[in-house]
């Protein structure tokens, strides 16, 4: 196990597609998986009785269900002198009831010895993300694939892997926490405005410049922002938890729930605003002419309009020279919102930080004349045929500048 690497969170995983017998529990009454060689590699040959296990089901559009339970790993022929037949038994639970034939099954072993069993909807974005994270082939079938994370085959955590671990509810511990805490001393344990914090983030990375590569700069700033924000959040939330949640009637349950929701909402909104702030700095540094939040038809406000609102509302200005860019740190199904913005521009552009969006989604984007943009460092989380279609930030900036240079 190494700090800042995947082995800090998982010793190894096995993955497969669920067969009909494994997924239809009402019909087959089967509550176990056959202990084939990959499972034996993962769990060993010692009996595990009632091993603590978190079951997780994940679908599209933030759909998720989790339940804490247990599994038993045993040799059903342990009294036989020459034969072994291992099985992984699980109790009926809400997650396994949601499983369907063809869904992705991941059995993961944590360094603590606990188990995670993850069921993922077939052909979904989160399926792509987990296959990429664990290094499992996209073409996986109903046979188990095994991967461990030893020193020779470990994965250093980057922006994409942190993003996916967060989707699993796993908080990443920063190996350089002390240094990050020192950087945050100027804020005295309070959240600054997003723009102020984003300016500060860029100050902490003085050697990073969009002129050396806008894709690298944007991803570096966003990764640093995430690390610093989570460290500051940890301090502030810890102090609030220490003070407790109580009122005259005893435990202040409503107060706790309200506080918890505020933490989650702050994370989501801050990520989006920070993304826009860092993008704006990239455009300024690279000399791109733009307006942000300019009003177009029906009071729509595209995140960025190139070269700007004056040109857009000038009916003599050629449509071919106009470009709009939507910004969404995560797409989910919200990418369709961009389609109704800036009616003069039939071909839209959208930039996101979401790794591994499903083929179904990207094909639908392409059919609706929406070009997806991601920082170059995230392209590898997509399937090979998707990568040929994706645009990176540097190419997008070149496109906008080329349109600006054409006289009319």
Protein backbone atom coordinates (compact mmCIF):
# COMPACT_ATOMS: atom_id res chain seq x y z
CA UNK A 1 0.00 0.00 0.00
CA UNK A 2 1.38 3.40 -1.04
CA UNK A 3 0.02 6.84 -0.20
CA UNK A 4 -1.56 8.53 -3.21
CA UNK A 5 -2.01 5.26 -5.09
CA UNK A 6 -4.99 2.98 -5.74
CA UNK A 7 -3.50 0.29 -3.47
CA UNK A 8 -4.26 2.58 -0.52
CA UNK A 9 -7.95 1.83 -1.09
CA UNK A 10 -8.06 -1.58 -2.79
CA UNK A 11 -5.82 -4.65 -2.62
CA UNK A 12 -7.40 -6.11 -5.72
CA UNK A 13 -10.62 -6.67 -7.66
CA UNK A 14 -12.37 -9.23 -9.81
CA UNK A 15 -15.00 -8.24 -12.37
CA UNK A 16 -17.44 -9.95 -14.72
CA UNK A 17 -20.82 -9.64 -16.40
CA UNK A 18 -23.71 -11.11 -14.42
CA UNK A 19 -25.31 -14.19 -15.94
CA UNK A 20 -29.04 -14.81 -15.85
CA UNK A 21 -28.73 -17.30 -12.99
CA UNK A 22 -26.69 -14.85 -10.90
CA UNK A 23 -28.96 -11.87 -11.49
CA UNK A 24 -32.45 -13.38 -11.30
CA UNK A 25 -32.49 -14.36 -7.63
CA UNK A 26 -36.26 -14.81 -7.46
CA UNK A 27 -36.11 -17.46 -10.16
CA UNK A 28 -32.88 -19.26 -9.30
CA UNK A 29 -32.73 -18.61 -5.51
CA UNK A 30 -28.93 -18.52 -5.93
CA UNK A 31 -27.21 -16.28 -3.39
CA UNK A 32 -23.63 -17.10 -4.18
CA UNK A 33 -20.92 -16.85 -6.82
CA UNK A 34 -18.79 -19.81 -7.83
CA UNK A 35 -15.28 -19.52 -6.40
CA UNK A 36 -13.32 -19.70 -9.64
CA UNK A 37 -9.56 -19.09 -9.75
CA UNK A 38 -9.72 -15.27 -9.98
CA UNK A 39 -11.88 -15.15 -6.84
CA UNK A 40 -9.47 -17.48 -5.05
CA UNK A 41 -6.59 -15.18 -6.02
CA UNK A 42 -8.49 -12.26 -4.52
CA UNK A 43 -9.83 -13.88 -1.33
CA UNK A 44 -7.36 -16.69 -0.65
CA UNK A 45 -8.18 -20.19 0.53
CA UNK A 46 -8.97 -19.47 4.18
CA UNK A 47 -12.63 -19.41 5.22
CA UNK A 48 -14.13 -15.95 5.76
CA UNK A 49 -17.30 -16.04 7.84
CA UNK A 50 -19.63 -13.04 7.87
CA UNK A 51 -16.98 -10.77 6.40
CA UNK A 52 -18.17 -7.12 6.55
CA UNK A 53 -19.26 -6.12 3.05
CA UNK A 54 -20.68 -2.98 1.51
CA UNK A 55 -23.00 -3.65 -1.42
CA UNK A 56 -23.38 -0.79 -3.91
CA UNK A 57 -25.60 -0.47 -6.99
CA UNK A 58 -24.88 2.37 -9.42
CA UNK A 59 -26.81 3.47 -12.49
CA UNK A 60 -26.98 6.52 -14.72
CA UNK A 61 -27.95 9.99 -13.51
CA UNK A 62 -26.67 9.71 -9.93
CA UNK A 63 -28.82 6.67 -9.23
CA UNK A 64 -27.31 4.72 -6.38
CA UNK A 65 -28.23 2.32 -3.58
CA UNK A 66 -25.93 0.94 -0.89
CA UNK A 67 -26.34 -1.50 1.97
CA UNK A 68 -23.95 -2.81 4.61
CA UNK A 69 -24.13 -6.56 5.03
CA UNK A 70 -21.69 -9.50 5.03
CA UNK A 71 -20.49 -12.38 2.86
CA UNK A 72 -19.10 -15.82 3.64
CA UNK A 73 -16.28 -17.29 1.59
CA UNK A 74 -16.04 -21.03 2.08
CA UNK A 75 -15.07 -24.38 0.58
CA UNK A 76 -18.25 -26.40 0.14
CA UNK A 77 -16.11 -29.56 -0.05
CA UNK A 78 -13.77 -28.75 2.83
CA UNK A 79 -14.18 -32.29 4.22
CA UNK A 80 -13.27 -33.92 0.91
CA UNK A 81 -9.68 -35.23 0.88
CA UNK A 82 -8.81 -34.13 -2.68
CA UNK A 83 -11.48 -31.75 -3.99
CA UNK A 84 -12.23 -28.09 -3.32
CA UNK A 85 -15.22 -26.05 -4.43
CA UNK A 86 -15.17 -22.48 -3.16
CA UNK A 87 -18.25 -20.28 -3.04
CA UNK A 88 -18.96 -16.68 -2.09
CA UNK A 89 -22.30 -16.56 -0.28
CA UNK A 90 -24.29 -13.36 0.29
CA UNK A 91 -27.56 -12.63 2.05
CA UNK A 92 -30.55 -11.18 0.24
CA UNK A 93 -30.23 -7.40 0.06
CA UNK A 94 -31.60 -4.35 -1.77
CA UNK A 95 -28.59 -4.04 -4.05
CA UNK A 96 -28.62 -7.58 -5.43
CA UNK A 97 -32.37 -7.29 -6.06
CA UNK A 98 -31.61 -4.47 -8.51
CA UNK A 99 -29.08 -6.53 -10.49
CA UNK A 100 -29.87 -7.43 -14.10
CA UNK A 101 -28.34 -9.85 -16.56
CA UNK A 102 -25.35 -8.24 -18.28
CA UNK A 103 -24.68 -5.75 -15.47
CA UNK A 104 -21.10 -5.35 -14.34
CA UNK A 105 -20.18 -7.08 -11.08
CA UNK A 106 -17.06 -5.98 -9.19
CA UNK A 107 -15.85 -7.72 -6.06
CA UNK A 108 -13.18 -5.59 -4.41
CA UNK A 109 -11.01 -6.30 -1.37
CA UNK A 110 -10.09 -3.35 0.82
CA UNK A 111 -6.76 -3.19 2.76
CA UNK A 112 -8.82 -3.52 5.96
CA UNK A 113 -9.97 -6.96 4.79
CA UNK A 114 -13.53 -5.74 4.20
CA UNK A 115 -15.22 -6.41 0.88
CA UNK A 116 -17.07 -4.16 -1.56
CA UNK A 117 -19.48 -5.69 -4.04
CA UNK A 118 -20.46 -3.21 -6.74
CA UNK A 119 -23.20 -3.73 -9.32
CA UNK A 120 -23.18 -1.30 -12.26
CA UNK A 121 -25.79 -0.87 -14.99
CA UNK A 122 -24.56 -2.17 -18.35
CA UNK A 123 -23.41 0.42 -20.91
CA UNK A 124 -23.54 3.25 -18.38
CA UNK A 125 -21.04 6.03 -17.78
CA UNK A 126 -20.16 4.74 -14.33
CA UNK A 127 -19.43 1.32 -15.86
CA UNK A 128 -16.87 2.93 -18.21
CA UNK A 129 -15.37 4.82 -15.29
CA UNK A 130 -14.91 1.76 -13.06
CA UNK A 131 -13.51 -0.42 -15.84
CA UNK A 132 -10.95 2.30 -16.54
CA UNK A 133 -10.14 2.85 -12.85
CA UNK A 134 -9.48 -0.82 -12.17
CA UNK A 135 -7.78 -1.52 -15.50
CA UNK A 136 -10.37 -4.10 -16.58
CA UNK A 137 -10.94 -4.64 -20.35
CA UNK A 138 -14.03 -2.90 -21.75
CA UNK A 139 -14.89 -6.15 -23.56
CA UNK A 140 -15.33 -8.10 -20.32
CA UNK A 141 -17.77 -11.05 -20.42
CA UNK A 142 -19.24 -13.51 -17.89
CA UNK A 143 -15.82 -14.85 -16.86
CA UNK A 144 -14.10 -13.18 -13.92
CA UNK A 145 -11.12 -10.89 -14.65
CA UNK A 146 -8.65 -10.40 -11.78
CA UNK A 147 -6.38 -7.47 -11.05
CA UNK A 148 -4.30 -6.66 -7.99
CA UNK A 149 -2.49 -3.44 -7.17
CA UNK A 150 1.01 -4.35 -6.12
CA UNK A 151 4.03 -2.09 -6.58
CA UNK A 152 4.55 -3.21 -10.17
CA UNK A 153 0.93 -2.70 -11.22
CA UNK A 154 -0.31 0.11 -8.99
CA UNK A 155 -2.07 3.26 -10.19
CA UNK A 156 -1.16 6.74 -9.00
CA UNK A 157 -4.29 8.73 -8.25
CA UNK A 158 -5.00 11.65 -10.57
CA UNK A 159 -7.99 13.91 -11.19
CA UNK A 160 -10.02 11.20 -12.97
CA UNK A 161 -9.39 8.46 -10.39
CA UNK A 162 -10.22 10.83 -7.51
CA UNK A 163 -13.44 11.75 -9.32
CA UNK A 164 -14.46 8.08 -9.61
CA UNK A 165 -13.52 7.17 -6.04
CA UNK A 166 -15.70 10.05 -4.88
CA UNK A 167 -18.59 8.52 -6.85
CA UNK A 168 -18.05 5.36 -4.78
CA UNK A 169 -18.22 7.38 -1.56
CA UNK A 170 -14.49 6.96 -0.85
CA UNK A 171 -12.68 10.04 0.49
CA UNK A 172 -9.13 10.31 -0.83
CA UNK A 173 -6.50 11.08 1.82
CA UNK A 174 -3.89 13.48 0.52
CA UNK A 175 -0.27 12.28 1.07
CA UNK A 176 0.85 15.92 1.19
CA UNK A 177 -1.81 17.01 3.70
CA UNK A 178 0.55 18.99 5.97
CA UNK A 179 1.83 21.11 3.07
CA UNK A 180 -1.70 21.78 1.87
CA UNK A 181 -2.80 22.79 5.36
CA UNK A 182 0.03 25.32 5.53
CA UNK A 183 -1.13 26.88 2.26
CA UNK A 184 -4.62 27.39 3.69
CA UNK A 185 -3.60 29.34 6.79
CA UNK A 186 -4.51 32.67 5.19
CA UNK A 187 -8.25 31.82 5.26
CA UNK A 188 -8.45 31.38 9.06
CA UNK A 189 -10.80 28.40 8.91
CA UNK A 190 -13.49 30.03 6.73
CA UNK A 191 -14.60 29.50 3.13
CA UNK A 192 -13.61 32.40 0.86
CA UNK A 193 -15.59 33.34 -2.26
CA UNK A 194 -15.05 30.91 -5.12
CA UNK A 195 -13.27 33.45 -7.32
CA UNK A 196 -10.90 34.37 -4.48
CA UNK A 197 -10.15 30.73 -3.79
CA UNK A 198 -9.53 29.96 -7.47
CA UNK A 199 -7.11 32.90 -7.73
CA UNK A 200 -5.31 31.52 -4.68
CA UNK A 201 -5.15 28.03 -6.24
CA UNK A 202 -3.40 29.42 -9.31
CA UNK A 203 -0.95 31.32 -7.10
CA UNK A 204 0.10 28.04 -5.49
CA UNK A 205 1.12 26.68 -8.91
CA UNK A 206 3.33 29.50 -10.28
CA UNK A 207 5.03 27.26 -12.86
CA UNK A 208 1.74 26.30 -14.52
CA UNK A 209 0.77 28.44 -17.52
CA UNK A 210 -1.86 27.95 -20.25
CA UNK A 211 0.73 29.23 -22.73
CA UNK A 212 2.67 26.01 -22.16
CA UNK A 213 -0.47 23.93 -22.70
CA UNK A 214 -4.06 24.91 -21.82
CA UNK A 215 -5.16 21.32 -21.21
CA UNK A 216 -2.44 20.62 -18.67
CA UNK A 217 -2.95 23.99 -16.97
CA UNK A 218 -6.72 23.57 -16.60
CA UNK A 219 -6.47 20.05 -15.21
CA UNK A 220 -3.61 21.02 -12.85
CA UNK A 221 -5.60 23.95 -11.48
CA UNK A 222 -8.76 21.87 -11.02
CA UNK A 223 -6.87 19.07 -9.28
CA UNK A 224 -5.15 21.55 -6.95
CA UNK A 225 -8.47 23.28 -6.27
CA UNK A 226 -10.07 19.97 -5.31
CA UNK A 227 -7.23 19.05 -2.96
CA UNK A 228 -7.12 22.43 -1.22
CA UNK A 229 -10.89 22.74 -0.94
CA UNK A 230 -11.25 19.29 0.61
CA UNK A 231 -8.51 20.10 3.16
CA UNK A 232 -10.21 23.37 4.11
CA UNK A 233 -13.59 21.67 4.20
CA UNK A 234 -12.20 18.96 6.49
CA UNK A 235 -11.08 21.57 9.03
CA UNK A 236 -14.35 23.49 8.97
CA UNK A 237 -16.60 20.42 9.07
CA UNK A 238 -14.53 18.80 11.85
CA UNK A 239 -14.96 21.83 14.07
CA UNK A 240 -18.73 21.84 13.45
CA UNK A 241 -18.99 18.14 14.29
CA UNK A 242 -16.99 18.61 17.49
CA UNK A 243 -19.42 21.31 18.64
CA UNK A 244 -22.21 18.78 18.08
CA UNK A 245 -25.87 18.98 17.07
CA UNK A 246 -28.13 19.46 20.05
CA UNK A 247 -31.05 21.66 21.07
CA UNK A 248 -33.38 21.95 24.03
CA UNK A 249 -35.20 18.78 22.95
CA UNK A 250 -32.02 16.71 22.69
CA UNK A 251 -30.38 15.69 19.43
CA UNK A 252 -30.88 18.24 16.64
CA UNK A 253 -31.52 15.78 13.80
CA UNK A 254 -32.92 18.42 11.46
CA UNK A 255 -29.89 20.62 12.09
CA UNK A 256 -27.54 17.77 11.29
CA UNK A 257 -29.38 16.89 8.05
CA UNK A 258 -29.42 20.55 6.99
CA UNK A 259 -25.69 20.86 7.65
CA UNK A 260 -24.92 17.65 5.76
CA UNK A 261 -26.92 18.82 2.73
CA UNK A 262 -25.17 22.19 2.79
CA UNK A 263 -21.78 20.43 2.62
CA UNK A 264 -22.86 18.39 -0.40
CA UNK A 265 -24.42 21.37 -2.18
CA UNK A 266 -21.34 23.52 -1.56
CA UNK A 267 -19.12 20.86 -3.13
CA UNK A 268 -21.24 20.66 -6.27
CA UNK A 269 -21.74 24.39 -6.81
CA UNK A 270 -18.13 25.27 -6.00
CA UNK A 271 -16.78 22.76 -8.53
CA UNK A 272 -18.85 24.30 -11.31
CA UNK A 273 -17.91 27.90 -10.48
CA UNK A 274 -14.23 27.00 -10.09
CA UNK A 275 -14.27 25.27 -13.48
CA UNK A 276 -15.63 28.42 -15.13
CA UNK A 277 -13.12 30.61 -13.28
CA UNK A 278 -10.11 28.58 -14.40
CA UNK A 279 -11.43 28.36 -17.96
CA UNK A 280 -11.80 32.14 -18.06
CA UNK A 281 -8.18 32.51 -16.96
CA UNK A 282 -7.10 30.15 -19.75
CA UNK A 283 -8.99 32.20 -22.36
CA UNK A 284 -7.58 35.49 -21.07
CA UNK A 285 -4.02 34.19 -21.03
CA UNK A 286 -4.35 32.71 -24.51
CA UNK A 287 -5.74 35.96 -25.92
CA UNK A 288 -9.21 34.66 -26.79
CA UNK A 289 -12.01 37.22 -27.22
CA UNK A 290 -15.23 36.20 -25.43
CA UNK A 291 -18.18 37.21 -23.27
CA UNK A 292 -19.36 35.11 -20.34
CA UNK A 293 -23.03 34.71 -19.44
CA UNK A 294 -24.12 36.87 -22.40
CA UNK A 295 -27.90 36.95 -22.93
CA UNK A 296 -29.19 35.40 -26.17
CA UNK A 297 -32.70 34.31 -27.24
CA UNK A 298 -35.34 33.60 -24.58
CA UNK A 299 -33.00 35.01 -21.91
CA UNK A 300 -30.60 32.09 -22.34
CA UNK A 301 -27.10 32.68 -21.03
CA UNK A 302 -24.42 30.51 -22.64
CA UNK A 303 -21.43 30.15 -20.34
CA UNK A 304 -19.08 31.53 -23.01
CA UNK A 305 -19.85 33.26 -26.31
CA UNK A 306 -17.13 33.94 -28.90
CA UNK A 307 -16.24 36.58 -29.94
CA UNK A 308 -19.06 38.12 -27.86
CA UNK A 309 -22.58 39.44 -27.40
CA UNK A 310 -22.19 42.45 -29.73
CA UNK A 311 -21.22 40.23 -32.65
CA UNK A 312 -23.94 37.71 -31.79
CA UNK A 313 -26.70 40.33 -31.87
CA UNK A 314 -25.32 41.91 -35.05
CA UNK A 315 -27.40 40.27 -37.80
CA UNK A 316 -24.69 41.11 -40.35
CA UNK A 317 -22.06 39.16 -38.44
CA UNK A 318 -21.67 35.68 -40.05
CA UNK A 319 -23.04 32.74 -38.09
CA UNK A 320 -20.00 30.74 -39.16
CA UNK A 321 -17.75 32.98 -37.07
CA UNK A 322 -19.78 32.56 -33.87
CA UNK A 323 -18.98 29.90 -31.27
CA UNK A 324 -20.65 29.05 -27.99
CA UNK A 325 -19.32 26.91 -25.16
CA UNK A 326 -21.31 25.30 -22.39
CA UNK A 327 -19.47 24.38 -19.18
CA UNK A 328 -20.47 21.49 -16.94
CA UNK A 329 -18.01 19.93 -14.52
CA UNK A 330 -20.17 16.79 -14.71
CA UNK A 331 -22.51 16.08 -17.60
CA UNK A 332 -24.95 13.39 -16.47
CA UNK A 333 -28.09 14.07 -18.50
CA UNK A 334 -27.77 17.87 -18.19
CA UNK A 335 -25.84 18.26 -21.46
CA UNK A 336 -29.16 18.63 -23.29
CA UNK A 337 -29.65 22.02 -21.61
CA UNK A 338 -26.94 23.42 -23.91
CA UNK A 339 -28.91 22.56 -27.06
CA UNK A 340 -31.44 25.37 -26.53
CA UNK A 341 -28.82 28.09 -26.03
CA UNK A 342 -27.60 30.52 -28.74
CA UNK A 343 -30.01 29.68 -31.58
CA UNK A 344 -27.78 31.32 -34.23
CA UNK A 345 -25.14 28.67 -33.62
CA UNK A 346 -26.37 25.26 -34.81
CA UNK A 347 -23.26 23.36 -33.72
CA UNK A 348 -22.71 23.63 -29.97
CA UNK A 349 -19.61 22.97 -27.89
CA UNK A 350 -19.59 21.63 -24.33
CA UNK A 351 -16.59 21.17 -22.04
CA UNK A 352 -16.68 18.82 -19.06
CA UNK A 353 -14.39 17.12 -16.57
CA UNK A 354 -16.40 13.91 -16.37
CA UNK A 355 -14.35 10.84 -17.28
CA UNK A 356 -15.64 7.93 -19.32
CA UNK A 357 -19.07 9.12 -20.46
CA UNK A 358 -20.94 6.21 -22.05
CA UNK A 359 -20.99 5.60 -25.79
CA UNK A 360 -24.77 5.92 -25.82
CA UNK A 361 -24.48 9.45 -24.44
CA UNK A 362 -21.67 10.59 -26.74
CA UNK A 363 -23.44 9.17 -29.82
CA UNK A 364 -26.55 11.12 -28.85
CA UNK A 365 -24.45 14.28 -28.41
CA UNK A 366 -22.97 13.84 -31.86
CA UNK A 367 -26.40 13.26 -33.38
CA UNK A 368 -27.55 16.56 -31.82
CA UNK A 369 -24.53 18.46 -33.20
CA UNK A 370 -22.96 18.87 -29.80
CA UNK A 371 -19.16 18.57 -29.74
CA UNK A 372 -17.76 17.36 -26.42
CA UNK A 373 -14.49 18.84 -25.15
CA UNK A 374 -12.30 17.47 -22.35
CA UNK A 375 -8.78 18.30 -21.20
CA UNK A 376 -6.43 15.97 -23.09
CA UNK A 377 -5.46 14.14 -19.88
CA UNK A 378 -9.00 12.75 -19.53
CA UNK A 379 -9.33 11.36 -23.06
CA UNK A 380 -7.81 8.04 -22.00
CA UNK A 381 -10.81 7.29 -19.78
CA UNK A 382 -12.95 6.98 -22.92
CA UNK A 383 -13.13 4.07 -25.32
CA UNK A 384 -10.85 4.17 -28.34
CA UNK A 385 -13.57 4.92 -30.89
CA UNK A 386 -14.88 7.77 -28.69
CA UNK A 387 -11.43 9.33 -28.37
CA UNK A 388 -11.27 9.91 -32.14
CA UNK A 389 -14.31 12.19 -31.86
CA UNK A 390 -13.40 14.11 -28.68
CA UNK A 391 -11.88 17.58 -28.83
CA UNK A 392 -9.29 18.91 -26.38
CA UNK A 393 -9.11 22.47 -25.06
CA UNK A 394 -6.07 23.46 -27.14
CA UNK A 395 -7.84 22.45 -30.34
CA UNK A 396 -10.96 24.34 -29.33
CA UNK A 397 -8.97 27.51 -28.68
CA UNK A 398 -7.31 27.14 -32.09
CA UNK A 399 -10.75 26.79 -33.70
CA UNK A 400 -12.06 29.95 -32.01
CA UNK A 401 -8.96 31.96 -32.98
CA UNK A 402 -9.20 30.76 -36.57
CA UNK A 403 -12.80 32.00 -36.77
CA UNK A 404 -11.79 35.34 -35.23
CA UNK A 405 -9.04 35.79 -37.83
CA UNK A 406 -11.39 35.46 -40.80
CA UNK A 407 -12.51 38.86 -42.03
CA UNK A 408 -16.03 39.55 -43.17
